[in-house]
């Protein structure tokens, strides 16, 4: 990472002095390190925001102790429309996969009949 050029000289007092000129190399490594630090800072900020949201949700839940729930309550961070949309996408993907699998099975059955 560093290129170090050493120079030894003698001083008038007879002592040997050491001089070093350090030329920085590896700016690519430094740029990668800076990018990783930036990414870490952004991720920490995201996590802090998520923690604040969770804390607010917990405070809301604590302020409504009259809610009686049997078992373990499940709380989603998304709105009901977002959650419904996501679940519908999963259902469509599963249906498409099942239809594809049924089609392949019918193709195999047809080949066996012939």
PDB file of N, CA and C in Angstrom:
ATOM      1  N   UNK A   1       0.820  -1.189   0.000  1.00  0.00           N
ATOM      2  CA  UNK A   1       0.000   0.000   0.000  1.00  0.00           C
ATOM      3  C   UNK A   1       0.865   1.254   0.000  1.00  0.00           C
ATOM      4  N   UNK A   2       1.998   1.201   0.674  1.00  0.00           N
ATOM      5  CA  UNK A   2       2.877   2.355   0.731  1.00  0.00           C
ATOM      6  C   UNK A   2       4.197   1.999   0.072  1.00  0.00           C
ATOM      7  N   UNK A   3       4.750   2.959  -0.631  1.00  0.00           N
ATOM      8  CA  UNK A   3       6.080   2.806  -1.201  1.00  0.00           C
ATOM      9  C   UNK A   3       6.987   3.673  -0.353  1.00  0.00           C
ATOM     10  N   UNK A   4       7.926   3.064   0.345  1.00  0.00           N
ATOM     11  CA  UNK A   4       8.756   3.804   1.273  1.00  0.00           C
ATOM     12  C   UNK A   4      10.177   3.822   0.729  1.00  0.00           C
ATOM     13  N   UNK A   5      10.705   5.025   0.515  1.00  0.00           N
ATOM     14  CA  UNK A   5      12.081   5.184   0.056  1.00  0.00           C
ATOM     15  C   UNK A   5      12.899   5.651   1.244  1.00  0.00           C
ATOM     16  N   UNK A   6      13.901   4.874   1.597  1.00  0.00           N
ATOM     17  CA  UNK A   6      14.700   5.193   2.775  1.00  0.00           C
ATOM     18  C   UNK A   6      15.991   5.899   2.364  1.00  0.00           C
ATOM     19  N   UNK A   7      16.395   6.895   3.139  1.00  0.00           N
ATOM     20  CA  UNK A   7      17.635   7.609   2.900  1.00  0.00           C
ATOM     21  C   UNK A   7      18.363   7.723   4.229  1.00  0.00           C
ATOM     22  N   UNK A   8      19.567   7.227   4.272  1.00  0.00           N
ATOM     23  CA  UNK A   8      20.366   7.332   5.486  1.00  0.00           C
ATOM     24  C   UNK A   8      21.468   8.350   5.237  1.00  0.00           C
ATOM     25  N   UNK A   9      21.630   9.296   6.151  1.00  0.00           N
ATOM     26  CA  UNK A   9      22.705  10.289   6.032  1.00  0.00           C
ATOM     27  C   UNK A   9      23.350  10.450   7.400  1.00  0.00           C
ATOM     28  N   UNK A  10      24.508  10.969   7.397  1.00  0.00           N
ATOM     29  CA  UNK A  10      25.193  11.248   8.663  1.00  0.00           C
ATOM     30  C   UNK A  10      25.110  12.725   8.958  1.00  0.00           C
ATOM     31  N   UNK A  11      24.870  13.036  10.196  1.00  0.00           N
ATOM     32  CA  UNK A  11      24.832  14.435  10.611  1.00  0.00           C
ATOM     33  C   UNK A  11      26.226  14.859  11.028  1.00  0.00           C
ATOM     34  N   UNK A  12      26.455  16.176  11.193  1.00  0.00           N
ATOM     35  CA  UNK A  12      27.780  16.632  11.624  1.00  0.00           C
ATOM     36  C   UNK A  12      28.199  16.033  12.962  1.00  0.00           C
ATOM     37  N   UNK A  13      27.247  15.659  13.795  1.00  0.00           N
ATOM     38  CA  UNK A  13      27.591  15.083  15.095  1.00  0.00           C
ATOM     39  C   UNK A  13      27.955  13.604  14.981  1.00  0.00           C
ATOM     40  N   UNK A  14      27.836  13.062  13.771  1.00  0.00           N
ATOM     41  CA  UNK A  14      28.213  11.673  13.559  1.00  0.00           C
ATOM     42  C   UNK A  14      27.048  10.701  13.716  1.00  0.00           C
ATOM     43  N   UNK A  15      25.910  11.224  14.078  1.00  0.00           N
ATOM     44  CA  UNK A  15      24.752  10.348  14.226  1.00  0.00           C
ATOM     45  C   UNK A  15      24.149  10.063  12.859  1.00  0.00           C
ATOM     46  N   UNK A  16      23.609   8.913  12.722  1.00  0.00           N
ATOM     47  CA  UNK A  16      22.951   8.548  11.476  1.00  0.00           C
ATOM     48  C   UNK A  16      21.490   8.961  11.568  1.00  0.00           C
ATOM     49  N   UNK A  17      21.030   9.673  10.561  1.00  0.00           N
ATOM     50  CA  UNK A  17      19.649  10.122  10.517  1.00  0.00           C
ATOM     51  C   UNK A  17      18.884   9.286   9.500  1.00  0.00           C
ATOM     52  N   UNK A  18      17.629   9.141   9.728  1.00  0.00           N
ATOM     53  CA  UNK A  18      16.776   8.359   8.840  1.00  0.00           C
ATOM     54  C   UNK A  18      15.715   9.286   8.282  1.00  0.00           C
ATOM     55  N   UNK A  19      15.594   9.360   6.991  1.00  0.00           N
ATOM     56  CA  UNK A  19      14.564  10.125   6.321  1.00  0.00           C
ATOM     57  C   UNK A  19      13.750   9.150   5.469  1.00  0.00           C
ATOM     58  N   UNK A  20      12.499   9.332   5.491  1.00  0.00           N
ATOM     59  CA  UNK A  20      11.669   8.447   4.665  1.00  0.00           C
ATOM     60  C   UNK A  20      10.664   9.294   3.916  1.00  0.00           C
ATOM     61  N   UNK A  21      10.573   9.047   2.645  1.00  0.00           N
ATOM     62  CA  UNK A  21       9.508   9.693   1.884  1.00  0.00           C
ATOM     63  C   UNK A  21       8.507   8.587   1.564  1.00  0.00           C
ATOM     64  N   UNK A  22       7.298   8.809   1.988  1.00  0.00           N
ATOM     65  CA  UNK A  22       6.275   7.794   1.786  1.00  0.00           C
ATOM     66  C   UNK A  22       5.354   8.263   0.672  1.00  0.00           C
ATOM     67  N   UNK A  23       5.318   7.498  -0.368  1.00  0.00           N
ATOM     68  CA  UNK A  23       4.423   7.785  -1.479  1.00  0.00           C
ATOM     69  C   UNK A  23       3.219   6.857  -1.353  1.00  0.00           C
ATOM     70  N   UNK A  24       2.053   7.455  -1.347  1.00  0.00           N
ATOM     71  CA  UNK A  24       0.859   6.633  -1.198  1.00  0.00           C
ATOM     72  C   UNK A  24       0.564   5.904  -2.501  1.00  0.00           C
ATOM     73  N   UNK A  25       0.349   4.637  -2.358  1.00  0.00           N
ATOM     74  CA  UNK A  25      -0.099   3.811  -3.459  1.00  0.00           C
ATOM     75  C   UNK A  25      -1.363   3.118  -2.989  1.00  0.00           C
ATOM     76  N   UNK A  26      -2.082   2.585  -3.895  1.00  0.00           N
ATOM     77  CA  UNK A  26      -3.271   1.841  -3.509  1.00  0.00           C
ATOM     78  C   UNK A  26      -4.474   2.731  -3.276  1.00  0.00           C
ATOM     79  N   UNK A  27      -4.604   3.778  -4.100  1.00  0.00           N
ATOM     80  CA  UNK A  27      -5.773   4.643  -3.936  1.00  0.00           C
ATOM     81  C   UNK A  27      -7.056   3.863  -4.196  1.00  0.00           C
ATOM     82  N   UNK A  28      -6.938   2.800  -4.974  1.00  0.00           N
ATOM     83  CA  UNK A  28      -8.100   1.944  -5.222  1.00  0.00           C
ATOM     84  C   UNK A  28      -8.551   1.298  -3.911  1.00  0.00           C
ATOM     85  N   UNK A  29      -7.602   0.831  -3.128  1.00  0.00           N
ATOM     86  CA  UNK A  29      -7.937   0.225  -1.834  1.00  0.00           C
ATOM     87  C   UNK A  29      -8.572   1.248  -0.907  1.00  0.00           C
ATOM     88  N   UNK A  30      -8.058   2.440  -0.922  1.00  0.00           N
ATOM     89  CA  UNK A  30      -8.630   3.496  -0.072  1.00  0.00           C
ATOM     90  C   UNK A  30     -10.047   3.853  -0.519  1.00  0.00           C
ATOM     91  N   UNK A  31     -10.255   3.871  -1.821  1.00  0.00           N
ATOM     92  CA  UNK A  31     -11.597   4.176  -2.333  1.00  0.00           C
ATOM     93  C   UNK A  31     -12.574   3.078  -1.932  1.00  0.00           C
ATOM     94  N   UNK A  32     -12.137   1.818  -2.010  1.00  0.00           N
ATOM     95  CA  UNK A  32     -13.003   0.709  -1.585  1.00  0.00           C
ATOM     96  C   UNK A  32     -13.317   0.806  -0.102  1.00  0.00           C
ATOM     97  N   UNK A  33     -12.317   1.148   0.692  1.00  0.00           N
ATOM     98  CA  UNK A  33     -12.530   1.306   2.128  1.00  0.00           C
ATOM     99  C   UNK A  33     -13.527   2.428   2.402  1.00  0.00           C
ATOM    100  N   UNK A  34     -13.375   3.548   1.695  1.00  0.00           N
ATOM    101  CA  UNK A  34     -14.300   4.670   1.866  1.00  0.00           C
ATOM    102  C   UNK A  34     -15.720   4.261   1.479  1.00  0.00           C
ATOM    103  N   UNK A  35     -15.849   3.508   0.390  1.00  0.00           N
ATOM    104  CA  UNK A  35     -17.173   3.037  -0.029  1.00  0.00           C
ATOM    105  C   UNK A  35     -17.790   2.120   1.015  1.00  0.00           C
ATOM    106  N   UNK A  36     -16.985   1.246   1.593  1.00  0.00           N
ATOM    107  CA  UNK A  36     -17.499   0.338   2.627  1.00  0.00           C
ATOM    108  C   UNK A  36     -17.906   1.102   3.878  1.00  0.00           C
ATOM    109  N   UNK A  37     -17.145   2.116   4.230  1.00  0.00           N
ATOM    110  CA  UNK A  37     -17.504   2.936   5.386  1.00  0.00           C
ATOM    111  C   UNK A  37     -18.813   3.679   5.113  1.00  0.00           C
ATOM    112  N   UNK A  38     -18.939   4.237   3.902  1.00  0.00           N
ATOM    113  CA  UNK A  38     -20.177   4.923   3.525  1.00  0.00           C
ATOM    114  C   UNK A  38     -21.367   3.971   3.577  1.00  0.00           C
ATOM    115  N   UNK A  39     -21.190   2.772   3.065  1.00  0.00           N
ATOM    116  CA  UNK A  39     -22.253   1.770   3.096  1.00  0.00           C
ATOM    117  C   UNK A  39     -22.632   1.423   4.528  1.00  0.00           C
ATOM    118  N   UNK A  40     -21.649   1.295   5.384  1.00  0.00           N
ATOM    119  CA  UNK A  40     -21.898   0.992   6.791  1.00  0.00           C
ATOM    120  C   UNK A  40     -22.659   2.125   7.460  1.00  0.00           C
ATOM    121  N   UNK A  41     -22.292   3.354   7.160  1.00  0.00           N
ATOM    122  CA  UNK A  41     -22.984   4.511   7.743  1.00  0.00           C
ATOM    123  C   UNK A  41     -24.441   4.534   7.291  1.00  0.00           C
ATOM    124  N   UNK A  42     -24.678   4.275   6.002  1.00  0.00           N
ATOM    125  CA  UNK A  42     -26.060   4.257   5.491  1.00  0.00           C
ATOM    126  C   UNK A  42     -26.871   3.139   6.137  1.00  0.00           C
ATOM    127  N   UNK A  43     -26.257   1.972   6.294  1.00  0.00           N
ATOM    128  CA  UNK A  43     -26.960   0.841   6.904  1.00  0.00           C
ATOM    129  C   UNK A  43     -27.276   1.129   8.374  1.00  0.00           C
ATOM    130  N   UNK A  44     -26.351   1.759   9.077  1.00  0.00           N
ATOM    131  CA  UNK A  44     -26.616   2.134  10.470  1.00  0.00           C
ATOM    132  C   UNK A  44     -27.766   3.127  10.560  1.00  0.00           C
ATOM    133  N   UNK A  45     -27.815   4.077   9.655  1.00  0.00           N
ATOM    134  CA  UNK A  45     -28.916   5.047   9.651  1.00  0.00           C
ATOM    135  C   UNK A  45     -30.237   4.348   9.375  1.00  0.00           C
ATOM    136  N   UNK A  46     -30.241   3.393   8.437  1.00  0.00           N
ATOM    137  CA  UNK A  46     -31.459   2.645   8.140  1.00  0.00           C
ATOM    138  C   UNK A  46     -31.925   1.853   9.358  1.00  0.00           C
ATOM    139  N   UNK A  47     -30.973   1.195  10.019  1.00  0.00           N
ATOM    140  CA  UNK A  47     -31.320   0.416  11.202  1.00  0.00           C
ATOM    141  C   UNK A  47     -31.831   1.300  12.333  1.00  0.00           C
ATOM    142  N   UNK A  48     -31.236   2.482  12.480  1.00  0.00           N
ATOM    143  CA  UNK A  48     -31.724   3.408  13.517  1.00  0.00           C
ATOM    144  C   UNK A  48     -33.163   3.824  13.236  1.00  0.00           C
ATOM    145  N   UNK A  49     -33.440   4.124  11.976  1.00  0.00           N
ATOM    146  CA  UNK A  49     -34.813   4.499  11.604  1.00  0.00           C
ATOM    147  C   UNK A  49     -35.779   3.343  11.846  1.00  0.00           C
ATOM    148  N   UNK A  50     -35.352   2.146  11.509  1.00  0.00           N
ATOM    149  CA  UNK A  50     -36.201   0.976  11.735  1.00  0.00           C
ATOM    150  C   UNK A  50     -36.445   0.771  13.230  1.00  0.00           C
ATOM    151  N   UNK A  51     -35.407   0.969  14.032  1.00  0.00           N
ATOM    152  CA  UNK A  51     -35.564   0.842  15.482  1.00  0.00           C
ATOM    153  C   UNK A  51     -36.538   1.880  16.028  1.00  0.00           C
ATOM    154  N   UNK A  52     -36.461   3.112  15.503  1.00  0.00           N
ATOM    155  CA  UNK A  52     -37.407   4.153  15.945  1.00  0.00           C
ATOM    156  C   UNK A  52     -38.837   3.743  15.626  1.00  0.00           C
ATOM    157  N   UNK A  53     -39.042   3.197  14.426  1.00  0.00           N
ATOM    158  CA  UNK A  53     -40.382   2.773  14.027  1.00  0.00           C
ATOM    159  C   UNK A  53     -40.873   1.638  14.915  1.00  0.00           C
ATOM    160  N   UNK A  54     -40.018   0.685  15.196  1.00  0.00           N
ATOM    161  CA  UNK A  54     -40.396  -0.426  16.065  1.00  0.00           C
ATOM    162  C   UNK A  54     -40.715   0.089  17.471  1.00  0.00           C
ATOM    163  N   UNK A  55     -39.909   1.021  17.943  1.00  0.00           N
ATOM    164  CA  UNK A  55     -40.151   1.597  19.273  1.00  0.00           C
ATOM    165  C   UNK A  55     -41.518   2.286  19.318  1.00  0.00           C
ATOM    166  N   UNK A  56     -41.847   3.038  18.248  1.00  0.00           N
ATOM    167  CA  UNK A  56     -43.156   3.701  18.203  1.00  0.00           C
ATOM    168  C   UNK A  56     -44.283   2.672  18.181  1.00  0.00           C
ATOM    169  N   UNK A  57     -44.105   1.601  17.397  1.00  0.00           N
ATOM    170  CA  UNK A  57     -45.114   0.554  17.341  1.00  0.00           C
ATOM    171  C   UNK A  57     -45.299  -0.107  18.704  1.00  0.00           C
ATOM    172  N   UNK A  58     -44.194  -0.342  19.417  1.00  0.00           N
ATOM    173  CA  UNK A  58     -44.288  -0.940  20.746  1.00  0.00           C
ATOM    174  C   UNK A  58     -44.983   0.000  21.727  1.00  0.00           C
ATOM    175  N   UNK A  59     -44.695   1.286  21.613  1.00  0.00           N
ATOM    176  CA  UNK A  59     -45.359   2.256  22.484  1.00  0.00           C
ATOM    177  C   UNK A  59     -46.861   2.282  22.211  1.00  0.00           C
ATOM    178  N   UNK A  60     -47.240   2.211  20.930  1.00  0.00           N
ATOM    179  CA  UNK A  60     -48.666   2.164  20.586  1.00  0.00           C
ATOM    180  C   UNK A  60     -49.318   0.926  21.191  1.00  0.00           C
ATOM    181  N   UNK A  61     -48.644  -0.209  21.075  1.00  0.00           N
ATOM    182  CA  UNK A  61     -49.192  -1.450  21.615  1.00  0.00           C
ATOM    183  C   UNK A  61     -49.285  -1.379  23.133  1.00  0.00           C
ATOM    184  N   UNK A  62     -48.302  -0.760  23.766  1.00  0.00           N
ATOM    185  CA  UNK A  62     -48.320  -0.641  25.234  1.00  0.00           C
ATOM    186  C   UNK A  62     -49.427   0.298  25.695  1.00  0.00           C
ATOM    187  N   UNK A  63     -49.776   1.271  24.857  1.00  0.00           N
ATOM    188  CA  UNK A  63     -50.829   2.224  25.215  1.00  0.00           C
ATOM    189  C   UNK A  63     -52.221   1.645  25.041  1.00  0.00           C
ATOM    190  N   UNK A  64     -52.338   0.467  24.455  1.00  0.00           N
ATOM    191  CA  UNK A  64     -53.629  -0.188  24.247  1.00  0.00           C
ATOM    192  C   UNK A  64     -53.649  -1.551  24.944  1.00  0.00           C
ATOM    193  N   UNK A  65     -53.471  -1.559  26.276  1.00  0.00           N
ATOM    194  CA  UNK A  65     -53.441  -2.844  26.974  1.00  0.00           C
ATOM    195  C   UNK A  65     -54.803  -3.523  27.035  1.00  0.00           C
ATOM    196  N   UNK A  66     -55.859  -2.810  26.691  1.00  0.00           N
ATOM    197  CA  UNK A  66     -57.188  -3.399  26.787  1.00  0.00           C
ATOM    198  C   UNK A  66     -57.474  -4.393  25.671  1.00  0.00           C
ATOM    199  N   UNK A  67     -56.624  -4.415  24.656  1.00  0.00           N
ATOM    200  CA  UNK A  67     -56.822  -5.354  23.562  1.00  0.00           C
ATOM    201  C   UNK A  67     -56.538  -6.762  24.082  1.00  0.00           C
ATOM    202  N   UNK A  68     -57.535  -7.629  23.974  1.00  0.00           N
ATOM    203  CA  UNK A  68     -57.307  -9.004  24.411  1.00  0.00           C
ATOM    204  C   UNK A  68     -57.062  -9.860  23.184  1.00  0.00           C
ATOM    205  N   UNK A  69     -55.969 -10.572  23.219  1.00  0.00           N
ATOM    206  CA  UNK A  69     -55.591 -11.417  22.097  1.00  0.00           C
ATOM    207  C   UNK A  69     -55.191 -12.767  22.668  1.00  0.00           C
ATOM    208  N   UNK A  70     -55.773 -13.815  22.118  1.00  0.00           N
ATOM    209  CA  UNK A  70     -55.358 -15.145  22.518  1.00  0.00           C
ATOM    210  C   UNK A  70     -54.161 -15.541  21.685  1.00  0.00           C
ATOM    211  N   UNK A  71     -53.237 -16.211  22.277  1.00  0.00           N
ATOM    212  CA  UNK A  71     -52.052 -16.654  21.548  1.00  0.00           C
ATOM    213  C   UNK A  71     -51.081 -15.503  21.356  1.00  0.00           C
ATOM    214  N   UNK A  72     -50.337 -15.584  20.298  1.00  0.00           N
ATOM    215  CA  UNK A  72     -49.322 -14.586  19.998  1.00  0.00           C
ATOM    216  C   UNK A  72     -49.838 -13.646  18.923  1.00  0.00           C
ATOM    217  N   UNK A  73     -49.907 -12.352  19.232  1.00  0.00           N
ATOM    218  CA  UNK A  73     -50.358 -11.417  18.197  1.00  0.00           C
ATOM    219  C   UNK A  73     -49.281 -11.242  17.130  1.00  0.00           C
ATOM    220  N   UNK A  74     -49.727 -11.062  15.908  1.00  0.00           N
ATOM    221  CA  UNK A  74     -48.810 -10.834  14.797  1.00  0.00           C
ATOM    222  C   UNK A  74     -49.041  -9.418  14.303  1.00  0.00           C
ATOM    223  N   UNK A  75     -47.965  -8.648  14.244  1.00  0.00           N
ATOM    224  CA  UNK A  75     -48.058  -7.261  13.814  1.00  0.00           C
ATOM    225  C   UNK A  75     -47.158  -7.087  12.602  1.00  0.00           C
ATOM    226  N   UNK A  76     -47.705  -6.487  11.555  1.00  0.00           N
ATOM    227  CA  UNK A  76     -46.937  -6.237  10.344  1.00  0.00           C
ATOM    228  C   UNK A  76     -46.622  -4.755  10.254  1.00  0.00           C
ATOM    229  N   UNK A  77     -45.434  -4.450   9.760  1.00  0.00           N
ATOM    230  CA  UNK A  77     -45.027  -3.050   9.641  1.00  0.00           C
ATOM    231  C   UNK A  77     -45.652  -2.380   8.422  1.00  0.00           C
ATOM    232  N   UNK A  78     -46.207  -3.178   7.508  1.00  0.00           N
ATOM    233  CA  UNK A  78     -46.797  -2.628   6.290  1.00  0.00           C
ATOM    234  C   UNK A  78     -48.270  -2.300   6.517  1.00  0.00           C
ATOM    235  N   UNK A  79     -48.777  -1.461   5.651  1.00  0.00           N
ATOM    236  CA  UNK A  79     -50.210  -1.193   5.703  1.00  0.00           C
ATOM    237  C   UNK A  79     -50.945  -2.429   5.188  1.00  0.00           C
ATOM    238  N   UNK A  80     -52.218  -2.508   5.463  1.00  0.00           N
ATOM    239  CA  UNK A  80     -52.976  -3.691   5.038  1.00  0.00           C
ATOM    240  C   UNK A  80     -53.019  -3.815   3.510  1.00  0.00           C
ATOM    241  N   UNK A  81     -53.069  -2.684   2.791  1.00  0.00           N
ATOM    242  CA  UNK A  81     -53.093  -2.763   1.319  1.00  0.00           C
ATOM    243  C   UNK A  81     -51.760  -3.262   0.770  1.00  0.00           C
ATOM    244  N   UNK A  82     -50.658  -2.812   1.363  1.00  0.00           N
ATOM    245  CA  UNK A  82     -49.338  -3.282   0.928  1.00  0.00           C
ATOM    246  C   UNK A  82     -49.193  -4.777   1.197  1.00  0.00           C
ATOM    247  N   UNK A  83     -49.647  -5.193   2.376  1.00  0.00           N
ATOM    248  CA  UNK A  83     -49.555  -6.602   2.739  1.00  0.00           C
ATOM    249  C   UNK A  83     -50.425  -7.452   1.813  1.00  0.00           C
ATOM    250  N   UNK A  84     -51.639  -6.989   1.544  1.00  0.00           N
ATOM    251  CA  UNK A  84     -52.539  -7.723   0.645  1.00  0.00           C
ATOM    252  C   UNK A  84     -51.910  -7.843  -0.745  1.00  0.00           C
ATOM    253  N   UNK A  85     -51.322  -6.764  -1.239  1.00  0.00           N
ATOM    254  CA  UNK A  85     -50.695  -6.770  -2.564  1.00  0.00           C
ATOM    255  C   UNK A  85     -49.543  -7.773  -2.602  1.00  0.00           C
ATOM    256  N   UNK A  86     -48.731  -7.785  -1.569  1.00  0.00           N
ATOM    257  CA  UNK A  86     -47.601  -8.699  -1.527  1.00  0.00           C
ATOM    258  C   UNK A  86     -48.087 -10.154  -1.496  1.00  0.00           C
ATOM    259  N   UNK A  87     -49.095 -10.429  -0.679  1.00  0.00           N
ATOM    260  CA  UNK A  87     -49.621 -11.792  -0.588  1.00  0.00           C
ATOM    261  C   UNK A  87     -50.228 -12.221  -1.923  1.00  0.00           C
ATOM    262  N   UNK A  88     -50.938 -11.317  -2.592  1.00  0.00           N
ATOM    263  CA  UNK A  88     -51.523 -11.650  -3.893  1.00  0.00           C
ATOM    264  C   UNK A  88     -50.441 -11.968  -4.928  1.00  0.00           C
ATOM    265  N   UNK A  89     -49.321 -11.249  -4.877  1.00  0.00           N
ATOM    266  CA  UNK A  89     -48.208 -11.555  -5.792  1.00  0.00           C
ATOM    267  C   UNK A  89     -47.654 -12.947  -5.507  1.00  0.00           C
ATOM    268  N   UNK A  90     -47.528 -13.305  -4.229  1.00  0.00           N
ATOM    269  CA  UNK A  90     -47.057 -14.643  -3.878  1.00  0.00           C
ATOM    270  C   UNK A  90     -48.029 -15.701  -4.386  1.00  0.00           C
ATOM    271  N   UNK A  91     -49.306 -15.466  -4.200  1.00  0.00           N
ATOM    272  CA  UNK A  91     -50.322 -16.426  -4.651  1.00  0.00           C
ATOM    273  C   UNK A  91     -50.241 -16.616  -6.166  1.00  0.00           C
ATOM    274  N   UNK A  92     -50.105 -15.511  -6.905  1.00  0.00           N
ATOM    275  CA  UNK A  92     -49.996 -15.606  -8.368  1.00  0.00           C
ATOM    276  C   UNK A  92     -48.755 -16.391  -8.774  1.00  0.00           C
ATOM    277  N   UNK A  93     -47.655 -16.147  -8.082  1.00  0.00           N
ATOM    278  CA  UNK A  93     -46.413 -16.855  -8.410  1.00  0.00           C
ATOM    279  C   UNK A  93     -46.567 -18.350  -8.125  1.00  0.00           C
ATOM    280  N   UNK A  94     -47.194 -18.686  -7.017  1.00  0.00           N
ATOM    281  CA  UNK A  94     -47.403 -20.096  -6.679  1.00  0.00           C
ATOM    282  C   UNK A  94     -48.341 -20.747  -7.694  1.00  0.00           C
ATOM    283  N   UNK A  95     -49.425 -20.044  -8.047  1.00  0.00           N
ATOM    284  CA  UNK A  95     -50.357 -20.574  -9.044  1.00  0.00           C
ATOM    285  C   UNK A  95     -49.661 -20.815 -10.380  1.00  0.00           C
ATOM    286  N   UNK A  96     -48.847 -19.868 -10.803  1.00  0.00           N
ATOM    287  CA  UNK A  96     -48.131 -20.020 -12.079  1.00  0.00           C
ATOM    288  C   UNK A  96     -47.207 -21.226 -12.020  1.00  0.00           C
ATOM    289  N   UNK A  97     -46.535 -21.399 -10.903  1.00  0.00           N
ATOM    290  CA  UNK A  97     -45.628 -22.536 -10.753  1.00  0.00           C
ATOM    291  C   UNK A  97     -46.404 -23.849 -10.784  1.00  0.00           C
ATOM    292  N   UNK A  98     -47.531 -23.888 -10.075  1.00  0.00           N
ATOM    293  CA  UNK A  98     -48.351 -25.103 -10.048  1.00  0.00           C
ATOM    294  C   UNK A  98     -48.920 -25.407 -11.429  1.00  0.00           C
ATOM    295  N   UNK A  99     -49.380 -24.386 -12.158  1.00  0.00           N
ATOM    296  CA  UNK A  99     -49.904 -24.590 -13.510  1.00  0.00           C
ATOM    297  C   UNK A  99     -48.820 -25.126 -14.437  1.00  0.00           C
ATOM    298  N   UNK A 100     -47.620 -24.573 -14.305  1.00  0.00           N
ATOM    299  CA  UNK A 100     -46.502 -25.034 -15.124  1.00  0.00           C
ATOM    300  C   UNK A 100     -46.188 -26.492 -14.810  1.00  0.00           C
ATOM    301  N   UNK A 101     -46.203 -26.831 -13.528  1.00  0.00           N
ATOM    302  CA  UNK A 101     -45.915 -28.202 -13.124  1.00  0.00           C
ATOM    303  C   UNK A 101     -46.999 -29.160 -13.634  1.00  0.00           C
ATOM    304  N   UNK A 102     -48.270 -28.752 -13.558  1.00  0.00           N
ATOM    305  CA  UNK A 102     -49.360 -29.587 -14.057  1.00  0.00           C
ATOM    306  C   UNK A 102     -49.237 -29.781 -15.570  1.00  0.00           C
ATOM    307  N   UNK A 103     -48.859 -28.727 -16.270  1.00  0.00           N
ATOM    308  CA  UNK A 103     -48.683 -28.821 -17.718  1.00  0.00           C
ATOM    309  C   UNK A 103     -47.573 -29.818 -18.052  1.00  0.00           C
ATOM    310  N   UNK A 104     -46.456 -29.728 -17.335  1.00  0.00           N
ATOM    311  CA  UNK A 104     -45.348 -30.646 -17.588  1.00  0.00           C
ATOM    312  C   UNK A 104     -45.756 -32.085 -17.286  1.00  0.00           C
ATOM    313  N   UNK A 105     -46.524 -32.286 -16.215  1.00  0.00           N
ATOM    314  CA  UNK A 105     -46.973 -33.633 -15.875  1.00  0.00           C
ATOM    315  C   UNK A 105     -47.925 -34.171 -16.949  1.00  0.00           C
ATOM    316  N   UNK A 106     -48.797 -33.311 -17.479  1.00  0.00           N
ATOM    317  CA  UNK A 106     -49.710 -33.766 -18.536  1.00  0.00           C
ATOM    318  C   UNK A 106     -48.949 -34.102 -19.811  1.00  0.00           C
ATOM    319  N   UNK A 107     -47.894 -33.359 -20.104  1.00  0.00           N
ATOM    320  CA  UNK A 107     -47.061 -33.651 -21.282  1.00  0.00           C
ATOM    321  C   UNK A 107     -46.396 -35.020 -21.127  1.00  0.00           C
ATOM    322  N   UNK A 108     -45.899 -35.294 -19.940  1.00  0.00           N
ATOM    323  CA  UNK A 108     -45.241 -36.579 -19.683  1.00  0.00           C
ATOM    324  C   UNK A 108     -46.272 -37.706 -19.813  1.00  0.00           C
ATOM    325  N   UNK A 109     -47.474 -37.493 -19.272  1.00  0.00           N
ATOM    326  CA  UNK A 109     -48.535 -38.517 -19.352  1.00  0.00           C
ATOM    327  C   UNK A 109     -48.926 -38.784 -20.801  1.00  0.00           C
ATOM    328  N   UNK A 110     -49.021 -37.760 -21.625  1.00  0.00           N
ATOM    329  CA  UNK A 110     -49.364 -37.919 -23.035  1.00  0.00           C
ATOM    330  C   UNK A 110     -48.298 -38.717 -23.769  1.00  0.00           C
ATOM    331  N   UNK A 111     -47.045 -38.457 -23.469  1.00  0.00           N
ATOM    332  CA  UNK A 111     -45.948 -39.172 -24.135  1.00  0.00           C
ATOM    333  C   UNK A 111     -45.965 -40.638 -23.740  1.00  0.00           C
ATOM    334  N   UNK A 112     -46.327 -40.916 -22.506  1.00  0.00           N
ATOM    335  CA  UNK A 112     -46.362 -42.302 -22.048  1.00  0.00           C
ATOM    336  C   UNK A 112     -47.518 -43.061 -22.685  1.00  0.00           C
ATOM    337  N   UNK A 113     -48.625 -42.358 -22.992  1.00  0.00           N
ATOM    338  CA  UNK A 113     -49.785 -43.009 -23.605  1.00  0.00           C
ATOM    339  C   UNK A 113     -49.528 -43.379 -25.047  1.00  0.00           C
ATOM    340  N   UNK A 114     -48.651 -42.651 -25.707  1.00  0.00           N
ATOM    341  CA  UNK A 114     -48.409 -42.875 -27.127  1.00  0.00           C
ATOM    342  C   UNK A 114     -47.517 -44.018 -27.348  1.00  0.00           C
TER     343      UNK A 114
END
